[in-house]
Amino acid sequence: MTADPVRVSVALREYDLSDGSEPIYGTAPTQDVNGIQALWMGNALRDGTLKYTGTGNDRDPILVRVGGATPNQVVPGYYPEDATMDGLVKYTGPANDRDPILVNVGSTSPNHVRIEQLP
């Protein structure tokens, strides 16, 4: 979502919000991933907040999806719990879906919450 209204027409035009040239609505609404502006990943509950700890966190749904008794299991599919969007839901191991949530809330304090910003 752009910071200010953008006039659009019926003419074919592309709007690329990934290069950072167009101001986007909110405070730090995207993160830089290898020079490309991307949305924050990890909102498994789709509730408008990104949380690593506490009630309603986004980490627990990943564990539930893989099976709480077997956290090492990998479930194939693009589920809401697939934070990395690699087609696999993983709670443990390399490239798991839990670690990006911690990084995105601020790994120095896992109690932080990142709030979605909509007008």
PDB file of N, CA and C in Angstrom:
ATOM      1  N   MET A   1       0.850  -1.163   0.000  1.00  0.00           N
ATOM      2  CA  MET A   1       0.000   0.000   0.000  1.00  0.00           C
ATOM      3  C   MET A   1       0.897   1.226   0.000  1.00  0.00           C
ATOM      4  N   THR A   2       0.675   2.106  -0.945  1.00  0.00           N
ATOM      5  CA  THR A   2       1.499   3.307  -1.033  1.00  0.00           C
ATOM      6  C   THR A   2       1.168   4.272   0.095  1.00  0.00           C
ATOM      7  N   ALA A   3       2.105   5.150   0.413  1.00  0.00           N
ATOM      8  CA  ALA A   3       1.915   6.118   1.489  1.00  0.00           C
ATOM      9  C   ALA A   3       0.877   7.172   1.115  1.00  0.00           C
ATOM     10  N   ASP A   4       0.830   7.523  -0.152  1.00  0.00           N
ATOM     11  CA  ASP A   4      -0.122   8.514  -0.658  1.00  0.00           C
ATOM     12  C   ASP A   4      -0.910   7.905  -1.810  1.00  0.00           C
ATOM     13  N   PRO A   5      -2.097   8.439  -2.102  1.00  0.00           N
ATOM     14  CA  PRO A   5      -2.874   7.911  -3.229  1.00  0.00           C
ATOM     15  C   PRO A   5      -2.080   7.983  -4.532  1.00  0.00           C
ATOM     16  N   VAL A   6      -2.275   6.991  -5.365  1.00  0.00           N
ATOM     17  CA  VAL A   6      -1.624   6.934  -6.668  1.00  0.00           C
ATOM     18  C   VAL A   6      -2.717   6.925  -7.734  1.00  0.00           C
ATOM     19  N   ARG A   7      -2.590   7.841  -8.684  1.00  0.00           N
ATOM     20  CA  ARG A   7      -3.579   7.908  -9.756  1.00  0.00           C
ATOM     21  C   ARG A   7      -3.340   6.741 -10.705  1.00  0.00           C
ATOM     22  N   VAL A   8      -4.385   5.979 -10.946  1.00  0.00           N
ATOM     23  CA  VAL A   8      -4.288   4.862 -11.872  1.00  0.00           C
ATOM     24  C   VAL A   8      -5.231   5.122 -13.041  1.00  0.00           C
ATOM     25  N   SER A   9      -4.926   4.520 -14.153  1.00  0.00           N
ATOM     26  CA  SER A   9      -5.768   4.678 -15.331  1.00  0.00           C
ATOM     27  C   SER A   9      -6.034   3.300 -15.913  1.00  0.00           C
ATOM     28  N   VAL A  10      -6.804   3.286 -16.984  1.00  0.00           N
ATOM     29  CA  VAL A  10      -7.091   2.013 -17.641  1.00  0.00           C
ATOM     30  C   VAL A  10      -5.905   1.535 -18.461  1.00  0.00           C
ATOM     31  N   ALA A  11      -4.932   2.407 -18.689  1.00  0.00           N
ATOM     32  CA  ALA A  11      -3.733   2.017 -19.437  1.00  0.00           C
ATOM     33  C   ALA A  11      -2.916   1.018 -18.614  1.00  0.00           C
ATOM     34  N   LEU A  12      -2.316   0.083 -19.287  1.00  0.00           N
ATOM     35  CA  LEU A  12      -1.489  -0.915 -18.624  1.00  0.00           C
ATOM     36  C   LEU A  12      -0.279  -0.250 -17.978  1.00  0.00           C
ATOM     37  N   ARG A  13      -0.109  -0.465 -16.687  1.00  0.00           N
ATOM     38  CA  ARG A  13       1.036   0.106 -15.978  1.00  0.00           C
ATOM     39  C   ARG A  13       1.387  -0.807 -14.819  1.00  0.00           C
ATOM     40  N   GLU A  14       2.656  -0.946 -14.558  1.00  0.00           N
ATOM     41  CA  GLU A  14       3.104  -1.759 -13.439  1.00  0.00           C
ATOM     42  C   GLU A  14       3.520  -0.861 -12.289  1.00  0.00           C
ATOM     43  N   TYR A  15       3.236  -1.299 -11.090  1.00  0.00           N
ATOM     44  CA  TYR A  15       3.671  -0.603  -9.887  1.00  0.00           C
ATOM     45  C   TYR A  15       4.555  -1.565  -9.108  1.00  0.00           C
ATOM     46  N   ASP A  16       5.828  -1.255  -9.040  1.00  0.00           N
ATOM     47  CA  ASP A  16       6.786  -2.110  -8.353  1.00  0.00           C
ATOM     48  C   ASP A  16       7.111  -1.490  -7.003  1.00  0.00           C
ATOM     49  N   LEU A  17       6.582  -2.074  -5.950  1.00  0.00           N
ATOM     50  CA  LEU A  17       6.845  -1.572  -4.600  1.00  0.00           C
ATOM     51  C   LEU A  17       8.053  -2.261  -3.965  1.00  0.00           C
ATOM     52  N   SER A  18       8.691  -3.150  -4.695  1.00  0.00           N
ATOM     53  CA  SER A  18       9.801  -3.911  -4.121  1.00  0.00           C
ATOM     54  C   SER A  18      11.148  -3.212  -4.207  1.00  0.00           C
ATOM     55  N   ASP A  19      11.250  -2.136  -5.006  1.00  0.00           N
ATOM     56  CA  ASP A  19      12.565  -1.504  -5.161  1.00  0.00           C
ATOM     57  C   ASP A  19      12.787  -0.335  -4.205  1.00  0.00           C
ATOM     58  N   GLY A  20      11.771   0.041  -3.426  1.00  0.00           N
ATOM     59  CA  GLY A  20      11.924   1.103  -2.433  1.00  0.00           C
ATOM     60  C   GLY A  20      11.791   2.507  -2.989  1.00  0.00           C
ATOM     61  N   SER A  21      11.507   2.650  -4.280  1.00  0.00           N
ATOM     62  CA  SER A  21      11.418   3.985  -4.870  1.00  0.00           C
ATOM     63  C   SER A  21      10.079   4.667  -4.567  1.00  0.00           C
ATOM     64  N   GLU A  22       9.063   3.905  -4.266  1.00  0.00           N
ATOM     65  CA  GLU A  22       7.739   4.449  -3.964  1.00  0.00           C
ATOM     66  C   GLU A  22       7.512   4.383  -2.450  1.00  0.00           C
ATOM     67  N   PRO A  23       7.209   5.517  -1.801  1.00  0.00           N
ATOM     68  CA  PRO A  23       6.942   5.475  -0.359  1.00  0.00           C
ATOM     69  C   PRO A  23       5.751   4.566  -0.048  1.00  0.00           C
ATOM     70  N   ILE A  24       5.904   3.755   0.963  1.00  0.00           N
ATOM     71  CA  ILE A  24       4.876   2.790   1.350  1.00  0.00           C
ATOM     72  C   ILE A  24       4.281   3.218   2.684  1.00  0.00           C
ATOM     73  N   TYR A  25       3.005   2.938   2.865  1.00  0.00           N
ATOM     74  CA  TYR A  25       2.283   3.339   4.069  1.00  0.00           C
ATOM     75  C   TYR A  25       2.862   2.665   5.317  1.00  0.00           C
ATOM     76  N   GLY A  26       3.013   3.430   6.385  1.00  0.00           N
ATOM     77  CA  GLY A  26       3.389   2.888   7.684  1.00  0.00           C
ATOM     78  C   GLY A  26       4.826   3.151   8.067  1.00  0.00           C
ATOM     79  N   THR A  27       5.169   2.697   9.258  1.00  0.00           N
ATOM     80  CA  THR A  27       6.517   2.806   9.787  1.00  0.00           C
ATOM     81  C   THR A  27       7.203   1.461   9.613  1.00  0.00           C
ATOM     82  N   ALA A  28       8.258   1.428   8.818  1.00  0.00           N
ATOM     83  CA  ALA A  28       8.998   0.187   8.509  1.00  0.00           C
ATOM     84  C   ALA A  28       8.045  -0.926   8.061  1.00  0.00           C
ATOM     85  N   PRO A  29       7.234  -0.664   7.015  1.00  0.00           N
ATOM     86  CA  PRO A  29       6.266  -1.671   6.587  1.00  0.00           C
ATOM     87  C   PRO A  29       6.889  -2.858   5.850  1.00  0.00           C
ATOM     88  N   THR A  30       8.146  -2.699   5.410  1.00  0.00           N
ATOM     89  CA  THR A  30       8.824  -3.781   4.708  1.00  0.00           C
ATOM     90  C   THR A  30      10.217  -3.969   5.287  1.00  0.00           C
ATOM     91  N   GLN A  31      10.838  -5.060   4.899  1.00  0.00           N
ATOM     92  CA  GLN A  31      12.224  -5.319   5.273  1.00  0.00           C
ATOM     93  C   GLN A  31      13.040  -5.520   4.006  1.00  0.00           C
ATOM     94  N   ASP A  32      14.315  -5.190   4.080  1.00  0.00           N
ATOM     95  CA  ASP A  32      15.200  -5.357   2.944  1.00  0.00           C
ATOM     96  C   ASP A  32      15.733  -6.789   2.922  1.00  0.00           C
ATOM     97  N   VAL A  33      15.463  -7.483   1.829  1.00  0.00           N
ATOM     98  CA  VAL A  33      15.958  -8.842   1.646  1.00  0.00           C
ATOM     99  C   VAL A  33      16.789  -8.844   0.370  1.00  0.00           C
ATOM    100  N   ASN A  34      18.091  -8.753   0.543  1.00  0.00           N
ATOM    101  CA  ASN A  34      19.020  -8.740  -0.594  1.00  0.00           C
ATOM    102  C   ASN A  34      18.677  -7.647  -1.600  1.00  0.00           C
ATOM    103  N   GLY A  35      18.382  -6.448  -1.097  1.00  0.00           N
ATOM    104  CA  GLY A  35      18.112  -5.309  -1.961  1.00  0.00           C
ATOM    105  C   GLY A  35      16.682  -5.192  -2.455  1.00  0.00           C
ATOM    106  N   ILE A  36      15.823  -6.084  -2.031  1.00  0.00           N
ATOM    107  CA  ILE A  36      14.411  -6.053  -2.431  1.00  0.00           C
ATOM    108  C   ILE A  36      13.561  -5.832  -1.186  1.00  0.00           C
ATOM    109  N   GLN A  37      12.612  -4.905  -1.278  1.00  0.00           N
ATOM    110  CA  GLN A  37      11.713  -4.648  -0.165  1.00  0.00           C
ATOM    111  C   GLN A  37      10.627  -5.725  -0.142  1.00  0.00           C
ATOM    112  N   ALA A  38      10.504  -6.423   0.982  1.00  0.00           N
ATOM    113  CA  ALA A  38       9.551  -7.523   1.112  1.00  0.00           C
ATOM    114  C   ALA A  38       8.717  -7.321   2.371  1.00  0.00           C
ATOM    115  N   LEU A  39       7.517  -7.881   2.369  1.00  0.00           N
ATOM    116  CA  LEU A  39       6.667  -7.824   3.557  1.00  0.00           C
ATOM    117  C   LEU A  39       7.270  -8.699   4.649  1.00  0.00           C
ATOM    118  N   TRP A  40       6.953  -8.376   5.897  1.00  0.00           N
ATOM    119  CA  TRP A  40       7.420  -9.155   7.031  1.00  0.00           C
ATOM    120  C   TRP A  40       6.728 -10.515   7.015  1.00  0.00           C
ATOM    121  N   MET A  41       7.483 -11.577   7.202  1.00  0.00           N
ATOM    122  CA  MET A  41       6.884 -12.910   7.165  1.00  0.00           C
ATOM    123  C   MET A  41       6.665 -13.457   8.572  1.00  0.00           C
ATOM    124  N   GLY A  42       5.728 -14.406   8.677  1.00  0.00           N
ATOM    125  CA  GLY A  42       5.561 -15.125   9.916  1.00  0.00           C
ATOM    126  C   GLY A  42       4.221 -15.006  10.604  1.00  0.00           C
ATOM    127  N   ASN A  43       3.276 -14.247  10.072  1.00  0.00           N
ATOM    128  CA  ASN A  43       1.990 -14.079  10.738  1.00  0.00           C
ATOM    129  C   ASN A  43       1.116 -15.302  10.478  1.00  0.00           C
ATOM    130  N   ALA A  44       1.402 -16.398  11.164  1.00  0.00           N
ATOM    131  CA  ALA A  44       0.714 -17.667  10.947  1.00  0.00           C
ATOM    132  C   ALA A  44      -0.760 -17.606  11.329  1.00  0.00           C
ATOM    133  N   LEU A  45      -1.111 -16.776  12.298  1.00  0.00           N
ATOM    134  CA  LEU A  45      -2.511 -16.673  12.732  1.00  0.00           C
ATOM    135  C   LEU A  45      -3.326 -15.702  11.902  1.00  0.00           C
ATOM    136  N   ARG A  46      -2.655 -14.897  11.082  1.00  0.00           N
ATOM    137  CA  ARG A  46      -3.327 -13.896  10.251  1.00  0.00           C
ATOM    138  C   ARG A  46      -4.228 -12.989  11.087  1.00  0.00           C
ATOM    139  N   ASP A  47      -3.679 -12.524  12.214  1.00  0.00           N
ATOM    140  CA  ASP A  47      -4.461 -11.712  13.149  1.00  0.00           C
ATOM    141  C   ASP A  47      -3.985 -10.269  13.240  1.00  0.00           C
ATOM    142  N   GLY A  48      -3.086  -9.868  12.356  1.00  0.00           N
ATOM    143  CA  GLY A  48      -2.625  -8.489  12.360  1.00  0.00           C
ATOM    144  C   GLY A  48      -1.425  -8.230  13.248  1.00  0.00           C
ATOM    145  N   THR A  49      -0.925  -9.254  13.933  1.00  0.00           N
ATOM    146  CA  THR A  49       0.263  -9.090  14.775  1.00  0.00           C
ATOM    147  C   THR A  49       1.235 -10.243  14.524  1.00  0.00           C
ATOM    148  N   LEU A  50       2.494  -9.945  14.708  1.00  0.00           N
ATOM    149  CA  LEU A  50       3.536 -10.956  14.623  1.00  0.00           C
ATOM    150  C   LEU A  50       4.107 -11.108  16.021  1.00  0.00           C
ATOM    151  N   LYS A  51       3.905 -12.280  16.621  1.00  0.00           N
ATOM    152  CA  LYS A  51       4.324 -12.527  18.010  1.00  0.00           C
ATOM    153  C   LYS A  51       5.087 -13.842  18.090  1.00  0.00           C
ATOM    154  N   TYR A  52       6.177 -13.825  18.870  1.00  0.00           N
ATOM    155  CA  TYR A  52       6.955 -15.044  19.078  1.00  0.00           C
ATOM    156  C   TYR A  52       6.593 -15.729  20.391  1.00  0.00           C
ATOM    157  N   THR A  53       6.208 -14.949  21.392  1.00  0.00           N
ATOM    158  CA  THR A  53       5.874 -15.515  22.699  1.00  0.00           C
ATOM    159  C   THR A  53       4.495 -15.041  23.138  1.00  0.00           C
ATOM    160  N   GLY A  54       3.978 -15.657  24.192  1.00  0.00           N
ATOM    161  CA  GLY A  54       2.722 -15.219  24.786  1.00  0.00           C
ATOM    162  C   GLY A  54       1.494 -15.815  24.117  1.00  0.00           C
ATOM    163  N   THR A  55       0.343 -15.418  24.626  1.00  0.00           N
ATOM    164  CA  THR A  55      -0.934 -15.878  24.104  1.00  0.00           C
ATOM    165  C   THR A  55      -1.109 -15.417  22.669  1.00  0.00           C
ATOM    166  N   GLY A  56      -1.577 -16.304  21.827  1.00  0.00           N
ATOM    167  CA  GLY A  56      -1.811 -15.946  20.432  1.00  0.00           C
ATOM    168  C   GLY A  56      -0.545 -15.731  19.634  1.00  0.00           C
ATOM    169  N   ASN A  57       0.549 -16.406  20.016  1.00  0.00           N
ATOM    170  CA  ASN A  57       1.791 -16.230  19.248  1.00  0.00           C
ATOM    171  C   ASN A  57       1.716 -16.994  17.930  1.00  0.00           C
ATOM    172  N   ASP A  58       2.622 -16.668  17.018  1.00  0.00           N
ATOM    173  CA  ASP A  58       2.645 -17.284  15.697  1.00  0.00           C
ATOM    174  C   ASP A  58       3.561 -18.504  15.620  1.00  0.00           C
ATOM    175  N   ARG A  59       4.224 -18.811  16.703  1.00  0.00           N
ATOM    176  CA  ARG A  59       5.127 -19.962  16.756  1.00  0.00           C
ATOM    177  C   ARG A  59       4.359 -21.256  17.027  1.00  0.00           C
ATOM    178  N   ASP A  60       3.377 -21.199  17.937  1.00  0.00           N
ATOM    179  CA  ASP A  60       2.637 -22.407  18.306  1.00  0.00           C
ATOM    180  C   ASP A  60       1.864 -23.041  17.147  1.00  0.00           C
ATOM    181  N   PRO A  61       1.237 -22.264  16.259  1.00  0.00           N
ATOM    182  CA  PRO A  61       0.538 -22.905  15.138  1.00  0.00           C
ATOM    183  C   PRO A  61       1.460 -23.746  14.243  1.00  0.00           C
ATOM    184  N   ILE A  62       2.730 -23.377  14.177  1.00  0.00           N
ATOM    185  CA  ILE A  62       3.684 -24.176  13.394  1.00  0.00           C
ATOM    186  C   ILE A  62       3.852 -25.537  14.046  1.00  0.00           C
ATOM    187  N   LEU A  63       3.998 -25.551  15.367  1.00  0.00           N
ATOM    188  CA  LEU A  63       4.138 -26.809  16.101  1.00  0.00           C
ATOM    189  C   LEU A  63       2.883 -27.660  15.967  1.00  0.00           C
ATOM    190  N   VAL A  64       1.733 -27.039  16.034  1.00  0.00           N
ATOM    191  CA  VAL A  64       0.474 -27.777  15.880  1.00  0.00           C
ATOM    192  C   VAL A  64       0.387 -28.390  14.481  1.00  0.00           C
ATOM    193  N   ARG A  65       0.769 -27.639  13.453  1.00  0.00           N
ATOM    194  CA  ARG A  65       0.690 -28.140  12.074  1.00  0.00           C
ATOM    195  C   ARG A  65       1.570 -29.364  11.879  1.00  0.00           C
ATOM    196  N   VAL A  66       2.783 -29.366  12.450  1.00  0.00           N
ATOM    197  CA  VAL A  66       3.679 -30.520  12.260  1.00  0.00           C
ATOM    198  C   VAL A  66       3.347 -31.659  13.217  1.00  0.00           C
ATOM    199  N   GLY A  67       2.557 -31.385  14.230  1.00  0.00           N
ATOM    200  CA  GLY A  67       2.198 -32.407  15.214  1.00  0.00           C
ATOM    201  C   GLY A  67       3.009 -32.187  16.468  1.00  0.00           C
ATOM    202  N   GLY A  68       2.364 -31.692  17.518  1.00  0.00           N
ATOM    203  CA  GLY A  68       3.051 -31.299  18.747  1.00  0.00           C
ATOM    204  C   GLY A  68       3.948 -32.372  19.340  1.00  0.00           C
ATOM    205  N   ALA A  69       3.599 -33.634  19.163  1.00  0.00           N
ATOM    206  CA  ALA A  69       4.400 -34.723  19.728  1.00  0.00           C
ATOM    207  C   ALA A  69       5.621 -35.032  18.864  1.00  0.00           C
ATOM    208  N   THR A  70       5.632 -34.527  17.638  1.00  0.00           N
ATOM    209  CA  THR A  70       6.731 -34.808  16.716  1.00  0.00           C
ATOM    210  C   THR A  70       7.232 -33.506  16.087  1.00  0.00           C
ATOM    211  N   PRO A  71       7.908 -32.650  16.874  1.00  0.00           N
ATOM    212  CA  PRO A  71       8.334 -31.356  16.343  1.00  0.00           C
ATOM    213  C   PRO A  71       9.359 -31.443  15.215  1.00  0.00           C
ATOM    214  N   ASN A  72       9.985 -32.592  15.016  1.00  0.00           N
ATOM    215  CA  ASN A  72      10.974 -32.750  13.945  1.00  0.00           C
ATOM    216  C   ASN A  72      10.331 -33.080  12.606  1.00  0.00           C
ATOM    217  N   GLN A  73       9.031 -33.367  12.599  1.00  0.00           N
ATOM    218  CA  GLN A  73       8.337 -33.717  11.365  1.00  0.00           C
ATOM    219  C   GLN A  73       8.240 -32.504  10.451  1.00  0.00           C
ATOM    220  N   VAL A  74       8.223 -32.755   9.154  1.00  0.00           N
ATOM    221  CA  VAL A  74       8.062 -31.708   8.141  1.00  0.00           C
ATOM    222  C   VAL A  74       6.767 -31.997   7.388  1.00  0.00           C
ATOM    223  N   VAL A  75       5.916 -30.974   7.252  1.00  0.00           N
ATOM    224  CA  VAL A  75       4.646 -31.138   6.551  1.00  0.00           C
ATOM    225  C   VAL A  75       4.716 -30.370   5.227  1.00  0.00           C
ATOM    226  N   PRO A  76       4.584 -31.060   4.099  1.00  0.00           N
ATOM    227  CA  PRO A  76       4.617 -30.360   2.817  1.00  0.00           C
ATOM    228  C   PRO A  76       3.317 -29.593   2.577  1.00  0.00           C
ATOM    229  N   GLY A  77       3.428 -28.417   1.968  1.00  0.00           N
ATOM    230  CA  GLY A  77       2.253 -27.627   1.619  1.00  0.00           C
ATOM    231  C   GLY A  77       2.437 -26.163   1.962  1.00  0.00           C
ATOM    232  N   TYR A  78       1.736 -25.319   1.239  1.00  0.00           N
ATOM    233  CA  TYR A  78       1.784 -23.874   1.476  1.00  0.00           C
ATOM    234  C   TYR A  78       0.681 -23.485   2.456  1.00  0.00           C
ATOM    235  N   TYR A  79       0.868 -23.818   3.698  1.00  0.00           N
ATOM    236  CA  TYR A  79      -0.077 -23.500   4.764  1.00  0.00           C
ATOM    237  C   TYR A  79       0.243 -22.124   5.338  1.00  0.00           C
ATOM    238  N   PRO A  80      -0.689 -21.522   6.073  1.00  0.00           N
ATOM    239  CA  PRO A  80      -0.386 -20.233   6.720  1.00  0.00           C
ATOM    240  C   PRO A  80       0.838 -20.317   7.641  1.00  0.00           C
ATOM    241  N   GLU A  81       1.132 -21.493   8.146  1.00  0.00           N
ATOM    242  CA  GLU A  81       2.279 -21.685   9.032  1.00  0.00           C
ATOM    243  C   GLU A  81       3.602 -21.770   8.287  1.00  0.00           C
ATOM    244  N   ASP A  82       3.578 -21.822   6.968  1.00  0.00           N
ATOM    245  CA  ASP A  82       4.792 -21.886   6.147  1.00  0.00           C
ATOM    246  C   ASP A  82       5.340 -20.466   5.969  1.00  0.00           C
ATOM    247  N   ALA A  83       5.993 -19.956   7.005  1.00  0.00           N
ATOM    248  CA  ALA A  83       6.479 -18.574   7.012  1.00  0.00           C
ATOM    249  C   ALA A  83       7.499 -18.310   5.917  1.00  0.00           C
ATOM    250  N   THR A  84       8.302 -19.296   5.579  1.00  0.00           N
ATOM    251  CA  THR A  84       9.346 -19.108   4.572  1.00  0.00           C
ATOM    252  C   THR A  84       8.832 -19.309   3.154  1.00  0.00           C
ATOM    253  N   MET A  85       7.603 -19.766   3.001  1.00  0.00           N
ATOM    254  CA  MET A  85       6.982 -20.004   1.692  1.00  0.00           C
ATOM    255  C   MET A  85       7.834 -20.902   0.798  1.00  0.00           C
ATOM    256  N   ASP A  86       8.408 -21.940   1.400  1.00  0.00           N
ATOM    257  CA  ASP A  86       9.193 -22.895   0.624  1.00  0.00           C
ATOM    258  C   ASP A  86       8.426 -24.187   0.362  1.00  0.00           C
ATOM    259  N   GLY A  87       7.151 -24.205   0.755  1.00  0.00           N
ATOM    260  CA  GLY A  87       6.331 -25.392   0.541  1.00  0.00           C
ATOM    261  C   GLY A  87       6.473 -26.446   1.617  1.00  0.00           C
ATOM    262  N   LEU A  88       7.161 -26.096   2.711  1.00  0.00           N
ATOM    263  CA  LEU A  88       7.358 -27.024   3.819  1.00  0.00           C
ATOM    264  C   LEU A  88       7.108 -26.302   5.140  1.00  0.00           C
ATOM    265  N   VAL A  89       6.368 -26.941   6.043  1.00  0.00           N
ATOM    266  CA  VAL A  89       6.193 -26.397   7.384  1.00  0.00           C
ATOM    267  C   VAL A  89       7.154 -27.149   8.294  1.00  0.00           C
ATOM    268  N   LYS A  90       8.114 -26.403   8.884  1.00  0.00           N
ATOM    269  CA  LYS A  90       9.148 -27.002   9.739  1.00  0.00           C
ATOM    270  C   LYS A  90       9.231 -26.215  11.040  1.00  0.00           C
ATOM    271  N   TYR A  91       9.236 -26.932  12.158  1.00  0.00           N
ATOM    272  CA  TYR A  91       9.373 -26.286  13.460  1.00  0.00           C
ATOM    273  C   TYR A  91      10.821 -26.270  13.931  1.00  0.00           C
ATOM    274  N   THR A  92      11.592 -27.280  13.543  1.00  0.00           N
ATOM    275  CA  THR A  92      12.987 -27.381  13.963  1.00  0.00           C
ATOM    276  C   THR A  92      13.885 -27.567  12.743  1.00  0.00           C
ATOM    277  N   GLY A  93      15.190 -27.448  12.978  1.00  0.00           N
ATOM    278  CA  GLY A  93      16.164 -27.699  11.923  1.00  0.00           C
ATOM    279  C   GLY A  93      16.443 -26.486  11.063  1.00  0.00           C
ATOM    280  N   PRO A  94      17.331 -26.659  10.080  1.00  0.00           N
ATOM    281  CA  PRO A  94      17.680 -25.550   9.192  1.00  0.00           C
ATOM    282  C   PRO A  94      16.472 -25.108   8.364  1.00  0.00           C
ATOM    283  N   ALA A  95      16.406 -23.816   8.092  1.00  0.00           N
ATOM    284  CA  ALA A  95      15.332 -23.220   7.287  1.00  0.00           C
ATOM    285  C   ALA A  95      13.952 -23.521   7.858  1.00  0.00           C
ATOM    286  N   ASN A  96      13.857 -23.508   9.195  1.00  0.00           N
ATOM    287  CA  ASN A  96      12.545 -23.741   9.809  1.00  0.00           C
ATOM    288  C   ASN A  96      11.689 -22.480   9.723  1.00  0.00           C
ATOM    289  N   ASP A  97      10.408 -22.624  10.030  1.00  0.00           N
ATOM    290  CA  ASP A  97       9.468 -21.506   9.932  1.00  0.00           C
ATOM    291  C   ASP A  97       9.327 -20.733  11.243  1.00  0.00           C
ATOM    292  N   ARG A  98       9.954 -21.208  12.285  1.00  0.00           N
ATOM    293  CA  ARG A  98       9.872 -20.565  13.604  1.00  0.00           C
ATOM    294  C   ARG A  98      10.901 -19.450  13.755  1.00  0.00           C
ATOM    295  N   ASP A  99      12.117 -19.664  13.305  1.00  0.00           N
ATOM    296  CA  ASP A  99      13.194 -18.682  13.489  1.00  0.00           C
ATOM    297  C   ASP A  99      12.917 -17.324  12.834  1.00  0.00           C
ATOM    298  N   PRO A 100      12.359 -17.282  11.615  1.00  0.00           N
ATOM    299  CA  PRO A 100      12.087 -15.958  11.019  1.00  0.00           C
ATOM    300  C   PRO A 100      11.136 -15.103  11.851  1.00  0.00           C
ATOM    301  N   ILE A 101      10.237 -15.726  12.586  1.00  0.00           N
ATOM    302  CA  ILE A 101       9.329 -14.959  13.442  1.00  0.00           C
ATOM    303  C   ILE A 101      10.129 -14.248  14.519  1.00  0.00           C
ATOM    304  N   LEU A 102      11.046 -14.956  15.149  1.00  0.00           N
ATOM    305  CA  LEU A 102      11.896 -14.365  16.180  1.00  0.00           C
ATOM    306  C   LEU A 102      12.734 -13.234  15.606  1.00  0.00           C
ATOM    307  N   VAL A 103      13.316 -13.437  14.455  1.00  0.00           N
ATOM    308  CA  VAL A 103      14.128 -12.398  13.812  1.00  0.00           C
ATOM    309  C   VAL A 103      13.276 -11.172  13.494  1.00  0.00           C
ATOM    310  N   ASN A 104      12.079 -11.376  13.000  1.00  0.00           N
ATOM    311  CA  ASN A 104      11.241 -10.266  12.573  1.00  0.00           C
ATOM    312  C   ASN A 104      10.619  -9.469  13.712  1.00  0.00           C
ATOM    313  N   VAL A 105      10.458 -10.066  14.884  1.00  0.00           N
ATOM    314  CA  VAL A 105       9.986  -9.272  16.026  1.00  0.00           C
ATOM    315  C   VAL A 105      11.149  -8.585  16.718  1.00  0.00           C
ATOM    316  N   GLY A 106      12.352  -9.035  16.436  1.00  0.00           N
ATOM    317  CA  GLY A 106      13.547  -8.465  17.056  1.00  0.00           C
ATOM    318  C   GLY A 106      14.157  -9.487  17.979  1.00  0.00           C
ATOM    319  N   SER A 107      15.146 -10.210  17.506  1.00  0.00           N
ATOM    320  CA  SER A 107      15.678 -11.360  18.236  1.00  0.00           C
ATOM    321  C   SER A 107      16.303 -11.007  19.578  1.00  0.00           C
ATOM    322  N   THR A 108      16.585  -9.733  19.824  1.00  0.00           N
ATOM    323  CA  THR A 108      17.146  -9.371  21.124  1.00  0.00           C
ATOM    324  C   THR A 108      16.073  -9.373  22.208  1.00  0.00           C
ATOM    325  N   SER A 109      14.814  -9.283  21.814  1.00  0.00           N
ATOM    326  CA  SER A 109      13.712  -9.346  22.771  1.00  0.00           C
ATOM    327  C   SER A 109      12.547 -10.111  22.153  1.00  0.00           C
ATOM    328  N   PRO A 110      12.437 -11.405  22.431  1.00  0.00           N
ATOM    329  CA  PRO A 110      11.382 -12.208  21.817  1.00  0.00           C
ATOM    330  C   PRO A 110       9.971 -11.805  22.253  1.00  0.00           C
ATOM    331  N   ASN A 111       9.860 -10.921  23.235  1.00  0.00           N
ATOM    332  CA  ASN A 111       8.543 -10.482  23.701  1.00  0.00           C
ATOM    333  C   ASN A 111       7.978  -9.336  22.866  1.00  0.00           C
ATOM    334  N   HIS A 112       8.774  -8.770  21.959  1.00  0.00           N
ATOM    335  CA  HIS A 112       8.272  -7.699  21.099  1.00  0.00           C
ATOM    336  C   HIS A 112       7.159  -8.222  20.193  1.00  0.00           C
ATOM    337  N   VAL A 113       6.335  -7.305  19.740  1.00  0.00           N
ATOM    338  CA  VAL A 113       5.246  -7.637  18.813  1.00  0.00           C
ATOM    339  C   VAL A 113       5.335  -6.665  17.642  1.00  0.00           C
ATOM    340  N   ARG A 114       5.215  -7.187  16.427  1.00  0.00           N
ATOM    341  CA  ARG A 114       5.177  -6.334  15.234  1.00  0.00           C
ATOM    342  C   ARG A 114       3.715  -6.278  14.791  1.00  0.00           C
ATOM    343  N   ILE A 115       3.186  -5.051  14.694  1.00  0.00           N
ATOM    344  CA  ILE A 115       1.774  -4.833  14.364  1.00  0.00           C
ATOM    345  C   ILE A 115       1.635  -4.495  12.884  1.00  0.00           C
ATOM    346  N   GLU A 116       0.657  -5.122  12.209  1.00  0.00           N
ATOM    347  CA  GLU A 116       0.354  -4.736  10.829  1.00  0.00           C
ATOM    348  C   GLU A 116      -0.196  -3.331  10.832  1.00  0.00           C
ATOM    349  N   GLN A 117       0.076  -2.599   9.786  1.00  0.00           N
ATOM    350  CA  GLN A 117      -0.324  -1.201   9.715  1.00  0.00           C
ATOM    351  C   GLN A 117      -1.288  -0.973   8.560  1.00  0.00           C
ATOM    352  N   LEU A 118      -2.520  -0.794   8.886  1.00  0.00           N
ATOM    353  CA  LEU A 118      -3.526  -0.469   7.890  1.00  0.00           C
ATOM    354  C   LEU A 118      -4.224   0.813   8.295  1.00  0.00           C
ATOM    355  N   PRO A 119      -4.575   1.660   7.333  1.00  0.00           N
ATOM    356  CA  PRO A 119      -5.240   2.916   7.697  1.00  0.00           C
ATOM    357  C   PRO A 119      -6.653   2.707   8.206  1.00  0.00           C
TER     358      PRO A 119
END
